[in-house]
């Protein structure tokens, strides 16, 4: 099945964004528009990379899709449910049920083991499943590190825990924000292979943002964020 993305995606889309807008009030009191996306769609199981330099609103865009931030206006439809019409608890629930998020800084809880980090992520969704959490860590090559703490792992291994946590709730959509930004070139290549392969195995769509041409070059489907985002550039993303 062909991957359909962008404003021309059809009813197959797991994600549909329409007229999404987010502004902030600057230090001088002026309102700055960070995200102003007319239309963007992502098909089920598609893998799409968004290129974007600092200041193009890439992190804000992903956080609006995930419901971490609330949009000023517009809609974010995830499997037919509008993230933008929900209150904070509703957004949290929809995110836990439908989205896996891989952060650039991994966001692992330092006082919890690898297994506990994955289980905690699962507890916000369909419920913790210790056997499946073990299986996810095995699939990312950490079967002998399940009881290690993040500080006891290499940076590349921490990234693997973050991938296992993101996929543990069987999300329909995985968001990845500069997931190789803290990795060297060898670990970055391994991380991308792991992320893309695990998404395929779990039949999850992947939307990744990066400014790294080596990462972007691995995707057949690419969009430039500044082409879908009508907002002027702002000092930070």
Protein backbone atom coordinates (compact mmCIF):
# COMPACT_ATOMS: atom_id res chain seq x y z
CA UNK A 1 0.00 0.00 0.00
CA UNK A 2 1.50 3.38 -0.93
CA UNK A 3 2.34 5.81 1.86
CA UNK A 4 0.04 8.82 1.71
CA UNK A 5 1.02 11.97 3.54
CA UNK A 6 0.70 15.73 3.37
CA UNK A 7 -2.43 17.69 2.54
CA UNK A 8 -3.62 15.13 -0.02
CA UNK A 9 -3.81 12.10 2.28
CA UNK A 10 -7.14 10.32 2.26
CA UNK A 11 -9.42 8.72 4.83
CA UNK A 12 -6.62 6.21 5.50
CA UNK A 13 -4.86 8.87 7.58
CA UNK A 14 -4.15 8.13 11.24
CA UNK A 15 -3.34 11.84 11.71
CA UNK A 16 -5.12 14.83 10.21
CA UNK A 17 -4.13 18.40 11.07
CA UNK A 18 -6.25 21.33 9.92
CA UNK A 19 -5.76 25.07 10.44
CA UNK A 20 -3.53 24.47 13.46
CA UNK A 21 -2.24 27.63 15.07
CA UNK A 22 -0.16 28.42 18.14
CA UNK A 23 1.07 31.81 19.29
CA UNK A 24 3.09 33.08 22.24
CA UNK A 25 3.39 36.49 23.83
CA UNK A 26 6.96 37.72 23.60
CA UNK A 27 8.91 39.69 26.24
CA UNK A 28 7.87 42.94 24.56
CA UNK A 29 4.20 41.98 24.72
CA UNK A 30 3.91 41.26 21.01
CA UNK A 31 2.23 38.02 19.97
CA UNK A 32 4.46 35.70 17.94
CA UNK A 33 2.99 32.97 15.75
CA UNK A 34 5.04 29.78 16.06
CA UNK A 35 2.86 27.24 14.25
CA UNK A 36 0.37 27.99 11.49
CA UNK A 37 -0.28 24.78 9.53
CA UNK A 38 -3.19 24.75 7.11
CA UNK A 39 -3.34 21.02 6.43
CA UNK A 40 -1.18 17.98 7.07
CA UNK A 41 -2.06 14.28 7.09
CA UNK A 42 -0.23 11.05 7.75
CA UNK A 43 -1.39 7.63 6.60
CA UNK A 44 -1.49 4.58 8.82
CA UNK A 45 1.95 2.90 8.93
CA UNK A 46 3.56 5.67 6.86
CA UNK A 47 7.03 6.94 7.78
CA UNK A 48 7.61 10.62 7.09
CA UNK A 49 10.48 12.95 7.96
CA UNK A 50 9.99 16.68 8.50
CA UNK A 51 13.08 18.81 8.00
CA UNK A 52 13.36 21.96 10.05
CA UNK A 53 16.05 24.17 11.48
CA UNK A 54 15.89 25.75 14.92
CA UNK A 55 13.16 28.37 14.98
CA UNK A 56 10.76 26.71 12.55
CA UNK A 57 8.46 25.42 15.28
CA UNK A 58 9.18 21.72 14.87
CA UNK A 59 9.08 20.78 18.57
CA UNK A 60 6.00 22.95 19.10
CA UNK A 61 4.28 21.22 16.17
CA UNK A 62 4.94 17.77 17.61
CA UNK A 63 3.86 18.88 21.09
CA UNK A 64 0.59 20.21 19.66
CA UNK A 65 -0.04 16.88 17.90
CA UNK A 66 0.71 15.05 21.15
CA UNK A 67 -1.52 17.33 23.22
CA UNK A 68 1.37 18.39 25.44
CA UNK A 69 0.54 21.93 24.33
CA UNK A 70 -2.96 23.21 23.63
CA UNK A 71 -3.48 24.91 20.28
CA UNK A 72 -5.02 28.35 19.96
CA UNK A 73 -7.19 27.08 17.13
CA UNK A 74 -7.55 24.28 14.61
CA UNK A 75 -7.86 20.53 14.91
CA UNK A 76 -5.60 17.50 15.40
CA UNK A 77 -7.51 14.33 14.58
CA UNK A 78 -5.96 11.11 15.87
CA UNK A 79 -7.86 8.09 14.69
CA UNK A 80 -10.93 10.30 14.41
CA UNK A 81 -10.62 11.98 17.84
CA UNK A 82 -9.84 15.71 18.01
CA UNK A 83 -7.01 16.40 20.44
CA UNK A 84 -7.80 20.13 20.38
CA UNK A 85 -11.31 19.79 21.81
CA UNK A 86 -10.19 17.85 24.88
CA UNK A 87 -9.27 19.08 28.32
CA UNK A 88 -5.88 18.31 29.83
CA UNK A 89 -6.89 14.91 31.24
CA UNK A 90 -8.53 13.94 27.94
CA UNK A 91 -5.42 14.90 25.99
CA UNK A 92 -3.27 12.89 28.40
CA UNK A 93 -5.49 9.85 27.93
CA UNK A 94 -5.58 10.10 24.13
CA UNK A 95 -1.82 10.57 24.01
CA UNK A 96 -1.26 7.52 26.23
CA UNK A 97 -3.58 5.39 24.11
CA UNK A 98 -2.55 6.50 20.61
CA UNK A 99 0.90 8.13 20.61
CA UNK A 100 4.45 7.06 21.37
CA UNK A 101 6.88 9.96 21.79
CA UNK A 102 10.66 9.67 21.42
CA UNK A 103 12.33 12.77 22.84
CA UNK A 104 15.75 14.07 21.91
CA UNK A 105 16.84 13.95 25.56
CA UNK A 106 15.08 10.57 26.10
CA UNK A 107 13.28 11.81 29.27
CA UNK A 108 14.00 8.62 31.20
CA UNK A 109 13.34 8.70 34.95
CA UNK A 110 16.75 8.32 36.56
CA UNK A 111 15.45 6.68 39.75
CA UNK A 112 13.75 3.85 37.82
CA UNK A 113 15.22 0.84 36.05
CA UNK A 114 14.84 0.23 32.32
CA UNK A 115 11.95 -2.13 32.99
CA UNK A 116 10.28 0.31 35.39
CA UNK A 117 10.57 3.17 32.86
CA UNK A 118 8.76 1.08 30.26
CA UNK A 119 6.14 -0.15 32.73
CA UNK A 120 5.46 3.37 33.98
CA UNK A 121 4.85 4.53 30.42
CA UNK A 122 2.47 1.62 29.91
CA UNK A 123 0.55 2.42 33.10
CA UNK A 124 -0.76 5.66 31.58
CA UNK A 125 -2.28 3.77 28.66
CA UNK A 126 -3.77 0.30 28.49
CA UNK A 127 -2.06 -0.82 31.69
CA UNK A 128 1.32 -2.24 32.66
CA UNK A 129 2.18 -5.63 31.20
CA UNK A 130 5.46 -6.90 32.63
CA UNK A 131 5.85 -9.72 30.12
CA UNK A 132 5.36 -7.41 27.15
CA UNK A 133 7.68 -4.78 28.67
CA UNK A 134 10.35 -7.48 28.96
CA UNK A 135 9.68 -8.47 25.35
CA UNK A 136 10.03 -4.88 24.11
CA UNK A 137 13.36 -4.50 25.89
CA UNK A 138 14.49 -7.82 24.41
CA UNK A 139 13.50 -6.63 20.92
CA UNK A 140 15.66 -3.52 21.29
CA UNK A 141 18.60 -5.62 22.50
CA UNK A 142 18.45 -4.85 26.22
CA UNK A 143 17.32 -8.18 27.63
CA UNK A 144 20.40 -8.18 29.90
CA UNK A 145 19.89 -4.58 31.05
CA UNK A 146 16.28 -4.63 32.25
CA UNK A 147 17.25 -3.95 35.88
CA UNK A 148 19.88 -1.32 35.09
CA UNK A 149 19.29 2.36 35.78
CA UNK A 150 19.69 4.96 33.02
CA UNK A 151 22.96 6.21 34.56
CA UNK A 152 24.37 2.69 34.11
CA UNK A 153 23.67 2.70 30.37
CA UNK A 154 25.43 4.23 27.41
CA UNK A 155 23.70 7.02 25.52
CA UNK A 156 22.79 4.60 22.73
CA UNK A 157 21.32 2.14 25.23
CA UNK A 158 19.25 4.91 26.83
CA UNK A 159 17.85 5.68 23.38
CA UNK A 160 16.84 2.03 23.05
CA UNK A 161 14.92 2.20 26.33
CA UNK A 162 13.15 5.32 25.05
CA UNK A 163 12.16 3.45 21.87
CA UNK A 164 10.86 0.47 23.87
CA UNK A 165 8.83 2.80 26.09
CA UNK A 166 7.39 4.67 23.12
CA UNK A 167 6.22 1.47 21.41
CA UNK A 168 5.06 -0.44 24.50
CA UNK A 169 1.47 0.82 24.37
CA UNK A 170 0.94 -0.26 20.75
CA UNK A 171 0.57 3.34 19.53
CA UNK A 172 -0.83 4.06 16.09
CA UNK A 173 1.49 7.07 15.77
CA UNK A 174 5.08 7.54 16.92
CA UNK A 175 6.53 11.06 17.12
CA UNK A 176 10.30 11.45 17.17
CA UNK A 177 11.89 14.82 17.94
CA UNK A 178 15.53 14.93 16.76
CA UNK A 179 16.01 11.38 18.14
CA UNK A 180 19.65 11.19 17.04
CA UNK A 181 20.66 14.65 18.25
CA UNK A 182 22.67 13.31 21.19
CA UNK A 183 24.24 10.34 19.40
CA UNK A 184 27.44 9.89 17.43
CA UNK A 185 27.18 8.87 13.78
CA UNK A 186 27.40 5.11 14.41
CA UNK A 187 24.83 5.12 17.20
CA UNK A 188 22.63 7.50 15.20
CA UNK A 189 22.51 5.06 12.29
CA UNK A 190 21.69 2.17 14.63
CA UNK A 191 19.02 4.23 16.39
CA UNK A 192 17.30 5.11 13.13
CA UNK A 193 17.30 1.49 12.00
CA UNK A 194 15.86 0.50 15.37
CA UNK A 195 13.16 3.20 15.39
CA UNK A 196 12.01 2.57 11.84
CA UNK A 197 12.17 -1.21 12.13
CA UNK A 198 10.29 -1.31 15.44
CA UNK A 199 7.59 0.99 14.04
CA UNK A 200 7.17 -1.31 11.04
CA UNK A 201 6.94 -4.39 13.27
CA UNK A 202 4.28 -2.71 15.39
CA UNK A 203 2.42 -1.24 12.38
CA UNK A 204 2.81 2.27 13.81
CA UNK A 205 3.06 5.40 11.67
CA UNK A 206 6.20 7.47 12.25
CA UNK A 207 6.53 11.25 12.07
CA UNK A 208 10.12 12.34 12.69
CA UNK A 209 11.61 15.83 12.70
CA UNK A 210 15.31 16.43 12.15
CA UNK A 211 17.76 18.86 10.63
CA UNK A 212 20.36 16.12 10.02
CA UNK A 213 20.70 15.41 6.28
CA UNK A 214 21.99 11.89 7.03
CA UNK A 215 18.77 11.11 8.90
CA UNK A 216 16.49 12.83 6.40
CA UNK A 217 18.16 11.00 3.52
CA UNK A 218 16.94 7.65 4.87
CA UNK A 219 13.30 8.57 4.25
CA UNK A 220 11.55 8.28 0.90
CA UNK A 221 8.81 10.58 2.16
CA UNK A 222 10.04 13.99 3.28
CA UNK A 223 8.47 17.39 3.91
CA UNK A 224 10.11 20.71 4.76
CA UNK A 225 8.41 22.09 7.85
CA UNK A 226 8.69 25.67 6.62
CA UNK A 227 6.62 24.72 3.57
CA UNK A 228 3.63 23.56 5.63
CA UNK A 229 4.13 26.06 8.46
CA UNK A 230 3.08 29.56 7.38
CA UNK A 231 4.35 31.10 10.63
CA UNK A 232 7.35 33.42 10.55
CA UNK A 233 10.50 32.07 12.11
CA UNK A 234 10.88 32.66 15.82
CA UNK A 235 13.95 32.54 18.08
CA UNK A 236 13.46 28.97 19.35
CA UNK A 237 11.72 25.79 18.27
